[in-house]
PDB file of N, CA and C in Angstrom:
ATOM      1  N   MET A   1       1.226  -1.447  -0.184  1.00  0.00           N
ATOM      2  CA  MET A   1       0.006  -0.024  -0.239  1.00  0.00           C
ATOM      3  C   MET A   1       1.155   0.884   0.117  1.00  0.00           C
ATOM      4  N   ILE A   2       1.466   1.449   0.776  1.00  0.00           N
ATOM      5  CA  ILE A   2       2.639   2.188   0.732  1.00  0.00           C
ATOM      6  C   ILE A   2       3.588   2.402  -0.643  1.00  0.00           C
ATOM      7  N   PHE A   3       3.406   1.290  -1.263  1.00  0.00           N
ATOM      8  CA  PHE A   3       4.453   1.366  -2.494  1.00  0.00           C
ATOM      9  C   PHE A   3       3.660   2.122  -3.549  1.00  0.00           C
ATOM     10  N   TRP A   4       2.121   2.341  -3.460  1.00  0.00           N
ATOM     11  CA  TRP A   4       1.618   2.872  -3.933  1.00  0.00           C
ATOM     12  C   TRP A   4       1.334   4.156  -4.087  1.00  0.00           C
ATOM     13  N   ALA A   5       1.185   4.513  -2.740  1.00  0.00           N
ATOM     14  CA  ALA A   5       1.001   5.972  -2.656  1.00  0.00           C
ATOM     15  C   ALA A   5       2.466   6.534  -2.603  1.00  0.00           C
ATOM     16  N   VAL A   6       3.734   6.010  -2.679  1.00  0.00           N
ATOM     17  CA  VAL A   6       5.427   6.614  -2.658  1.00  0.00           C
ATOM     18  C   VAL A   6       4.716   6.359  -4.453  1.00  0.00           C
ATOM     19  N   PHE A   7       4.146   5.871  -5.220  1.00  0.00           N
ATOM     20  CA  PHE A   7       4.654   5.719  -6.765  1.00  0.00           C
ATOM     21  C   PHE A   7       3.639   6.560  -7.020  1.00  0.00           C
ATOM     22  N   ALA A   8       2.553   7.578  -6.281  1.00  0.00           N
ATOM     23  CA  ALA A   8       1.746   7.794  -6.671  1.00  0.00           C
ATOM     24  C   ALA A   8       2.221   9.590  -6.981  1.00  0.00           C
ATOM     25  N   ALA A   9       2.594   9.748  -5.542  1.00  0.00           N
ATOM     26  CA  ALA A   9       3.419  10.764  -4.787  1.00  0.00           C
ATOM     27  C   ALA A   9       4.545  11.045  -6.494  1.00  0.00           C
ATOM     28  N   MET A  10       5.381   9.739  -6.378  1.00  0.00           N
ATOM     29  CA  MET A  10       6.174  10.393  -7.443  1.00  0.00           C
ATOM     30  C   MET A  10       6.072  10.550  -8.873  1.00  0.00           C
ATOM     31  N   ALA A  11       4.535   9.629  -9.126  1.00  0.00           N
ATOM     32  CA  ALA A  11       4.124  10.897 -10.415  1.00  0.00           C
ATOM     33  C   ALA A  11       3.458  11.628 -10.476  1.00  0.00           C
ATOM     34  N   VAL A  12       2.833  12.225  -9.075  1.00  0.00           N
ATOM     35  CA  VAL A  12       2.588  13.764  -9.428  1.00  0.00           C
ATOM     36  C   VAL A  12       3.328  14.857  -9.354  1.00  0.00           C
ATOM     37  N   PHE A  13       4.590  14.393  -8.369  1.00  0.00           N
ATOM     38  CA  PHE A  13       6.055  15.345  -8.517  1.00  0.00           C
ATOM     39  C   PHE A  13       6.544  15.197 -10.357  1.00  0.00           C
ATOM     40  N   GLY A  14       6.735  13.962 -10.453  1.00  0.00           N
ATOM     41  CA  GLY A  14       7.174  14.018 -11.887  1.00  0.00           C
ATOM     42  C   GLY A  14       6.495  14.686 -12.726  1.00  0.00           C
ATOM     43  N   VAL A  15       5.112  14.836 -12.965  1.00  0.00           N
ATOM     44  CA  VAL A  15       4.341  15.100 -14.010  1.00  0.00           C
ATOM     45  C   VAL A  15       4.358  17.366 -13.560  1.00  0.00           C
ATOM     46  N   LYS A  16       4.484  17.399 -11.934  1.00  0.00           N
ATOM     47  CA  LYS A  16       4.904  18.381 -12.142  1.00  0.00           C
ATOM     48  C   LYS A  16       5.606  19.067 -12.915  1.00  0.00           C
ATOM     49  N   TYR A  17       7.284  18.390 -12.546  1.00  0.00           N
ATOM     50  CA  TYR A  17       8.186  18.839 -12.604  1.00  0.00           C
ATOM     51  C   TYR A  17       7.985  18.791 -14.560  1.00  0.00           C
ATOM     52  N   TYR A  18       7.772  17.843 -14.854  1.00  0.00           N
ATOM     53  CA  TYR A  18       7.738  18.052 -16.097  1.00  0.00           C
ATOM     54  C   TYR A  18       6.548  18.991 -16.876  1.00  0.00           C
ATOM     55  N   THR A  19       5.494  19.219 -16.438  1.00  0.00           N
ATOM     56  CA  THR A  19       4.999  20.210 -16.569  1.00  0.00           C
ATOM     57  C   THR A  19       5.552  21.911 -17.001  1.00  0.00           C
ATOM     58  N   SER A  20       5.857  22.053 -15.242  1.00  0.00           N
ATOM     59  CA  SER A  20       6.933  23.564 -15.266  1.00  0.00           C
ATOM     60  C   SER A  20       8.034  23.583 -16.328  1.00  0.00           C
ATOM     61  N   VAL A  21       8.389  22.558 -16.967  1.00  0.00           N
ATOM     62  CA  VAL A  21       9.107  22.473 -17.439  1.00  0.00           C
ATOM     63  C   VAL A  21       8.845  23.045 -19.149  1.00  0.00           C
ATOM     64  N   GLN A  22       7.781  22.515 -19.362  1.00  0.00           N
ATOM     65  CA  GLN A  22       6.694  22.648 -20.652  1.00  0.00           C
ATOM     66  C   GLN A  22       6.401  24.011 -20.800  1.00  0.00           C
ATOM     67  N   MET A  23       5.969  24.692 -19.616  1.00  0.00           N
ATOM     68  CA  MET A  23       5.639  26.089 -19.080  1.00  0.00           C
ATOM     69  C   MET A  23       7.001  26.947 -19.163  1.00  0.00           C
ATOM     70  N   ARG A  24       7.929  26.762 -19.294  1.00  0.00           N
ATOM     71  CA  ARG A  24       9.310  28.050 -18.730  1.00  0.00           C
ATOM     72  C   ARG A  24       9.651  27.668 -20.865  1.00  0.00           C
ATOM     73  N   GLN A  25       9.629  26.425 -21.385  1.00  0.00           N
ATOM     74  CA  GLN A  25       9.752  26.289 -22.769  1.00  0.00           C
ATOM     75  C   GLN A  25       8.978  27.066 -23.321  1.00  0.00           C
ATOM     76  N   LEU A  26       7.739  26.910 -22.631  1.00  0.00           N
ATOM     77  CA  LEU A  26       6.642  27.805 -23.476  1.00  0.00           C
ATOM     78  C   LEU A  26       6.322  29.291 -23.445  1.00  0.00           C
ATOM     79  N   GLU A  27       6.882  30.479 -22.047  1.00  0.00           N
ATOM     80  CA  GLU A  27       7.370  31.601 -21.963  1.00  0.00           C
ATOM     81  C   GLU A  27       8.316  31.566 -22.527  1.00  0.00           C
ATOM     82  N   ARG A  28       9.690  31.215 -22.491  1.00  0.00           N
ATOM     83  CA  ARG A  28      10.793  31.651 -23.642  1.00  0.00           C
ATOM     84  C   ARG A  28      10.037  31.350 -25.607  1.00  0.00           C
ATOM     85  N   ARG A  29       9.721  30.610 -25.802  1.00  0.00           N
ATOM     86  CA  ARG A  29       8.918  30.793 -27.456  1.00  0.00           C
ATOM     87  C   ARG A  29       7.739  32.082 -27.363  1.00  0.00           C
ATOM     88  N   MET A  30       7.418  32.372 -26.091  1.00  0.00           N
ATOM     89  CA  MET A  30       5.900  33.338 -26.178  1.00  0.00           C
ATOM     90  C   MET A  30       7.491  34.890 -26.401  1.00  0.00           C
ATOM     91  N   GLY A  31       8.158  34.863 -24.926  1.00  0.00           N
ATOM     92  CA  GLY A  31       8.890  35.580 -25.524  1.00  0.00           C
ATOM     93  C   GLY A  31       9.781  35.878 -26.945  1.00  0.00           C
ATOM     94  N   ARG A  32       9.965  34.665 -27.467  1.00  0.00           N
ATOM     95  CA  ARG A  32      10.605  34.856 -28.839  1.00  0.00           C
ATOM     96  C   ARG A  32       9.688  35.575 -29.874  1.00  0.00           C
ATOM     97  N   VAL A  33       8.567  35.225 -29.634  1.00  0.00           N
ATOM     98  CA  VAL A  33       7.057  35.747 -30.557  1.00  0.00           C
ATOM     99  C   VAL A  33       7.084  37.350 -30.419  1.00  0.00           C
ATOM    100  N   LYS A  34       6.532  37.427 -29.046  1.00  0.00           N
ATOM    101  CA  LYS A  34       6.527  39.052 -28.622  1.00  0.00           C
ATOM    102  C   LYS A  34       7.317  39.106 -29.527  1.00  0.00           C
ATOM    103  N   ASP A  35       9.210  39.301 -29.121  1.00  0.00           N
ATOM    104  CA  ASP A  35       9.718  39.884 -29.714  1.00  0.00           C
ATOM    105  C   ASP A  35       9.927  40.019 -31.181  1.00  0.00           C
ATOM    106  N   GLU A  36       9.829  39.233 -32.002  1.00  0.00           N
ATOM    107  CA  GLU A  36       9.434  39.051 -33.085  1.00  0.00           C
ATOM    108  C   GLU A  36       8.299  40.334 -33.405  1.00  0.00           C
ATOM    109  N   LEU A  37       7.388  40.194 -32.640  1.00  0.00           N
ATOM    110  CA  LEU A  37       5.339  40.645 -33.511  1.00  0.00           C
ATOM    111  C   LEU A  37       6.392  42.062 -33.448  1.00  0.00           C
ATOM    112  N   HIS A  38       6.936  42.416 -32.213  1.00  0.00           N
ATOM    113  CA  HIS A  38       7.716  43.860 -32.279  1.00  0.00           C
ATOM    114  C   HIS A  38       8.214  44.614 -33.235  1.00  0.00           C
ATOM    115  N   SER A  39       9.361  43.495 -33.539  1.00  0.00           N
ATOM    116  CA  SER A  39       9.769  44.092 -34.837  1.00  0.00           C
ATOM    117  C   SER A  39       9.297  44.212 -35.783  1.00  0.00           C
ATOM    118  N   ALA A  40       8.170  43.345 -35.935  1.00  0.00           N
ATOM    119  CA  ALA A  40       7.536  43.693 -37.407  1.00  0.00           C
ATOM    120  C   ALA A  40       6.610  44.564 -37.255  1.00  0.00           C
ATOM    121  N   LYS A  41       5.993  45.123 -36.168  1.00  0.00           N
ATOM    122  CA  LYS A  41       5.001  46.287 -35.827  1.00  0.00           C
ATOM    123  C   LYS A  41       6.002  47.598 -36.403  1.00  0.00           C
ATOM    124  N   GLU A  42       7.525  46.954 -35.818  1.00  0.00           N
ATOM    125  CA  GLU A  42       8.030  48.443 -35.834  1.00  0.00           C
ATOM    126  C   GLU A  42       8.700  48.888 -37.629  1.00  0.00           C
ATOM    127  N   LYS A  43       8.435  47.454 -37.865  1.00  0.00           N
ATOM    128  CA  LYS A  43       8.681  47.140 -39.778  1.00  0.00           C
ATOM    129  C   LYS A  43       7.783  47.544 -40.567  1.00  0.00           C
ATOM    130  N   LEU A  44       6.324  47.220 -39.883  1.00  0.00           N
ATOM    131  CA  LEU A  44       5.371  48.154 -40.657  1.00  0.00           C
ATOM    132  C   LEU A  44       5.245  49.439 -40.115  1.00  0.00           C
ATOM    133  N   GLN A  45       5.662  50.284 -39.466  1.00  0.00           N
ATOM    134  CA  GLN A  45       5.217  51.138 -39.370  1.00  0.00           C
ATOM    135  C   GLN A  45       6.539  52.060 -39.568  1.00  0.00           C
ATOM    136  N   ASN A  46       7.681  51.595 -39.735  1.00  0.00           N
ATOM    137  CA  ASN A  46       8.528  52.404 -41.312  1.00  0.00           C
ATOM    138  C   ASN A  46       8.852  52.228 -42.361  1.00  0.00           C
ATOM    139  N   ALA A  47       8.076  51.184 -42.801  1.00  0.00           N
ATOM    140  CA  ALA A  47       7.551  51.089 -44.203  1.00  0.00           C
ATOM    141  C   ALA A  47       6.084  51.887 -44.350  1.00  0.00           C
ATOM    142  N   GLN A  48       5.717  52.440 -43.207  1.00  0.00           N
ATOM    143  CA  GLN A  48       3.784  53.123 -43.139  1.00  0.00           C
ATOM    144  C   GLN A  48       4.844  54.841 -43.624  1.00  0.00           C
ATOM    145  N   GLN A  49       5.463  54.634 -42.963  1.00  0.00           N
ATOM    146  CA  GLN A  49       6.113  56.033 -42.739  1.00  0.00           C
ATOM    147  C   GLN A  49       6.869  56.619 -43.612  1.00  0.00           C
ATOM    148  N   SER A  50       7.692  55.908 -44.307  1.00  0.00           N
ATOM    149  CA  SER A  50       8.160  56.363 -45.928  1.00  0.00           C
ATOM    150  C   SER A  50       7.310  55.972 -47.153  1.00  0.00           C
ATOM    151  N   GLN A  51       5.958  55.564 -46.823  1.00  0.00           N
ATOM    152  CA  GLN A  51       5.073  55.685 -47.946  1.00  0.00           C
ATOM    153  C   GLN A  51       3.677  56.811 -47.673  1.00  0.00           C
ATOM    154  N   THR A  52       4.338  57.467 -46.914  1.00  0.00           N
ATOM    155  CA  THR A  52       3.165  58.194 -46.728  1.00  0.00           C
ATOM    156  C   THR A  52       4.240  59.761 -46.517  1.00  0.00           C
ATOM    157  N   ASP A  53       5.957  59.297 -46.285  1.00  0.00           N
ATOM    158  CA  ASP A  53       6.698  60.521 -46.673  1.00  0.00           C
ATOM    159  C   ASP A  53       6.723  60.381 -48.263  1.00  0.00           C
ATOM    160  N   ALA A  54       6.494  58.836 -49.378  1.00  0.00           N
ATOM    161  CA  ALA A  54       6.962  59.207 -50.402  1.00  0.00           C
ATOM    162  C   ALA A  54       5.348  59.878 -50.980  1.00  0.00           C
ATOM    163  N   HIS A  55       4.678  59.494 -50.763  1.00  0.00           N
ATOM    164  CA  HIS A  55       3.565  60.359 -51.310  1.00  0.00           C
ATOM    165  C   HIS A  55       3.175  61.474 -50.876  1.00  0.00           C
ATOM    166  N   THR A  56       3.535  62.031 -49.966  1.00  0.00           N
ATOM    167  CA  THR A  56       3.881  63.902 -49.625  1.00  0.00           C
ATOM    168  C   THR A  56       4.989  64.113 -50.249  1.00  0.00           C
ATOM    169  N   GLU A  57       5.993  63.401 -50.876  1.00  0.00           N
ATOM    170  CA  GLU A  57       6.854  63.881 -52.059  1.00  0.00           C
ATOM    171  C   GLU A  57       5.891  64.218 -52.994  1.00  0.00           C
ATOM    172  N   GLU A  58       4.978  63.183 -53.829  1.00  0.00           N
ATOM    173  CA  GLU A  58       4.953  63.069 -54.606  1.00  0.00           C
ATOM    174  C   GLU A  58       3.884  63.504 -55.020  1.00  0.00           C
ATOM    175  N   GLU A  59       3.202  64.200 -54.016  1.00  0.00           N
ATOM    176  CA  GLU A  59       2.202  65.530 -54.517  1.00  0.00           C
ATOM    177  C   GLU A  59       2.961  66.939 -54.405  1.00  0.00           C
ATOM    178  N   ALA A  60       3.573  66.879 -53.954  1.00  0.00           N
ATOM    179  CA  ALA A  60       4.717  68.259 -53.875  1.00  0.00           C
ATOM    180  C   ALA A  60       5.346  68.674 -55.371  1.00  0.00           C
ATOM    181  N   VAL A  61       5.730  67.140 -56.124  1.00  0.00           N
ATOM    182  CA  VAL A  61       6.444  67.253 -57.112  1.00  0.00           C
ATOM    183  C   VAL A  61       4.970  67.164 -57.982  1.00  0.00           C
ATOM    184  N   VAL A  62       3.658  66.690 -58.011  1.00  0.00           N
ATOM    185  CA  VAL A  62       2.808  67.033 -59.250  1.00  0.00           C
ATOM    186  C   VAL A  62       2.375  68.451 -58.808  1.00  0.00           C
ATOM    187  N   GLU A  63       2.582  69.157 -57.770  1.00  0.00           N
ATOM    188  CA  GLU A  63       1.897  70.517 -57.506  1.00  0.00           C
ATOM    189  C   GLU A  63       2.883  71.358 -58.266  1.00  0.00           C
ATOM    190  N   ARG A  64       4.162  70.954 -58.198  1.00  0.00           N
ATOM    191  CA  ARG A  64       5.145  71.701 -58.653  1.00  0.00           C
ATOM    192  C   ARG A  64       4.803  71.858 -60.166  1.00  0.00           C
ATOM    193  N   GLY A  65       4.436  70.916 -60.718  1.00  0.00           N
ATOM    194  CA  GLY A  65       4.764  70.708 -62.294  1.00  0.00           C
ATOM    195  C   GLY A  65       3.345  71.150 -62.922  1.00  0.00           C
ATOM    196  N   VAL A  66       1.778  71.260 -61.577  1.00  0.00           N
ATOM    197  CA  VAL A  66       0.358  71.756 -62.347  1.00  0.00           C
ATOM    198  C   VAL A  66       1.231  73.664 -62.353  1.00  0.00           C
ATOM    199  N   ARG A  67       2.131  73.779 -61.128  1.00  0.00           N
ATOM    200  CA  ARG A  67       2.560  75.466 -61.355  1.00  0.00           C
ATOM    201  C   ARG A  67       3.217  75.771 -62.011  1.00  0.00           C
ATOM    202  N   ILE A  68       4.164  74.822 -62.625  1.00  0.00           N
ATOM    203  CA  ILE A  68       5.108  75.306 -63.959  1.00  0.00           C
ATOM    204  C   ILE A  68       3.781  75.078 -65.209  1.00  0.00           C
ATOM    205  N   ARG A  69       3.414  74.292 -65.513  1.00  0.00           N
ATOM    206  CA  ARG A  69       2.131  74.048 -66.443  1.00  0.00           C
ATOM    207  C   ARG A  69       1.228  75.477 -66.966  1.00  0.00           C
ATOM    208  N   GLU A  70       1.130  75.882 -65.656  1.00  0.00           N
ATOM    209  CA  GLU A  70       0.521  77.035 -65.690  1.00  0.00           C
ATOM    210  C   GLU A  70       1.603  78.484 -65.592  1.00  0.00           C
ATOM    211  N   ILE A  71       2.446  78.575 -65.358  1.00  0.00           N
ATOM    212  CA  ILE A  71       3.130  79.466 -65.239  1.00  0.00           C
ATOM    213  C   ILE A  71       3.632  79.410 -66.844  1.00  0.00           C
ATOM    214  N   ILE A  72       3.915  78.796 -68.146  1.00  0.00           N
ATOM    215  CA  ILE A  72       4.010  78.439 -69.024  1.00  0.00           C
ATOM    216  C   ILE A  72       3.071  78.635 -70.069  1.00  0.00           C
ATOM    217  N   ALA A  73       1.344  78.383 -69.612  1.00  0.00           N
ATOM    218  CA  ALA A  73       0.414  78.101 -70.377  1.00  0.00           C
ATOM    219  C   ALA A  73       0.785  80.047 -70.225  1.00  0.00           C
ATOM    220  N   ASP A  74       0.751  80.768 -69.217  1.00  0.00           N
ATOM    221  CA  ASP A  74       0.515  82.207 -68.657  1.00  0.00           C
ATOM    222  C   ASP A  74       1.694  83.635 -69.681  1.00  0.00           C
ATOM    223  N   ILE A  75       3.040  82.539 -69.873  1.00  0.00           N
ATOM    224  CA  ILE A  75       4.073  83.207 -70.708  1.00  0.00           C
ATOM    225  C   ILE A  75       3.847  83.217 -72.147  1.00  0.00           C
ATOM    226  N   GLN A  76       2.769  82.377 -72.402  1.00  0.00           N
ATOM    227  CA  GLN A  76       3.230  81.948 -74.081  1.00  0.00           C
ATOM    228  C   GLN A  76       1.637  82.885 -74.247  1.00  0.00           C
ATOM    229  N   ASP A  77       0.440  82.656 -73.122  1.00  0.00           N
ATOM    230  CA  ASP A  77      -0.888  83.860 -73.943  1.00  0.00           C
ATOM    231  C   ASP A  77       0.104  84.959 -73.479  1.00  0.00           C
ATOM    232  N   ARG A  78       0.643  85.686 -72.720  1.00  0.00           N
ATOM    233  CA  ARG A  78       1.130  87.255 -72.805  1.00  0.00           C
ATOM    234  C   ARG A  78       1.972  87.410 -73.938  1.00  0.00           C
ATOM    235  N   LEU A  79       2.814  86.289 -74.534  1.00  0.00           N
ATOM    236  CA  LEU A  79       3.624  86.385 -75.728  1.00  0.00           C
ATOM    237  C   LEU A  79       2.742  86.449 -77.091  1.00  0.00           C
ATOM    238  N   ALA A  80       1.560  85.322 -77.153  1.00  0.00           N
ATOM    239  CA  ALA A  80       0.860  85.810 -78.243  1.00  0.00           C
ATOM    240  C   ALA A  80       0.560  87.182 -78.053  1.00  0.00           C
ATOM    241  N   ALA A  81      -0.605  87.659 -76.881  1.00  0.00           N
ATOM    242  CA  ALA A  81      -0.828  89.140 -76.635  1.00  0.00           C
ATOM    243  C   ALA A  81       0.214  90.283 -77.097  1.00  0.00           C
ATOM    244  N   ARG A  82       1.226  89.962 -76.919  1.00  0.00           N
ATOM    245  CA  ARG A  82       2.364  91.090 -76.687  1.00  0.00           C
ATOM    246  C   ARG A  82       2.750  90.723 -78.608  1.00  0.00           C
ATOM    247  N   GLU A  83       2.246  89.702 -79.130  1.00  0.00           N
ATOM    248  CA  GLU A  83       2.821  89.587 -80.585  1.00  0.00           C
ATOM    249  C   GLU A  83       1.048  90.349 -81.683  1.00  0.00           C
ATOM    250  N   GLU A  84       0.236  90.041 -81.111  1.00  0.00           N
ATOM    251  CA  GLU A  84      -1.281  90.873 -81.101  1.00  0.00           C
ATOM    252  C   GLU A  84      -0.734  92.235 -81.630  1.00  0.00           C
ATOM    253  N   VAL A  85      -0.962  92.323 -80.694  1.00  0.00           N
ATOM    254  CA  VAL A  85      -0.359  94.180 -79.878  1.00  0.00           C
ATOM    255  C   VAL A  85       0.990  95.114 -81.068  1.00  0.00           C
ATOM    256  N   SER A  86       2.128  94.076 -81.335  1.00  0.00           N
ATOM    257  CA  SER A  86       2.845  94.402 -81.889  1.00  0.00           C
ATOM    258  C   SER A  86       2.504  94.666 -83.656  1.00  0.00           C
ATOM    259  N   GLU A  87       1.861  94.016 -84.189  1.00  0.00           N
ATOM    260  CA  GLU A  87       1.422  93.697 -85.389  1.00  0.00           C
ATOM    261  C   GLU A  87       0.410  94.172 -85.800  1.00  0.00           C
ATOM    262  N   GLU A  88      -0.332  95.045 -85.129  1.00  0.00           N
ATOM    263  CA  GLU A  88      -1.204  96.255 -84.702  1.00  0.00           C
ATOM    264  C   GLU A  88      -0.563  97.295 -85.080  1.00  0.00           C
TER     265      GLU A  88
END
């Protein structure tokens, strides 16, 4: 009878030890996954910021192009008007 009680106690302690070892391994893996997730979030934020910056720069370049076209059209109109005045 004592044998079975000791055997049962050893089995319980063995299972507890095995569970604690597995929990430590799981916590280590979870820590690595959290670190990788944090790193991935930082990369995503950096990529989004880069995309936002590129979009802002693109809008500025397009705006400059529009302004240059308007200036060229204005100069052409003024030259055409000046030529008409000089022909008369």
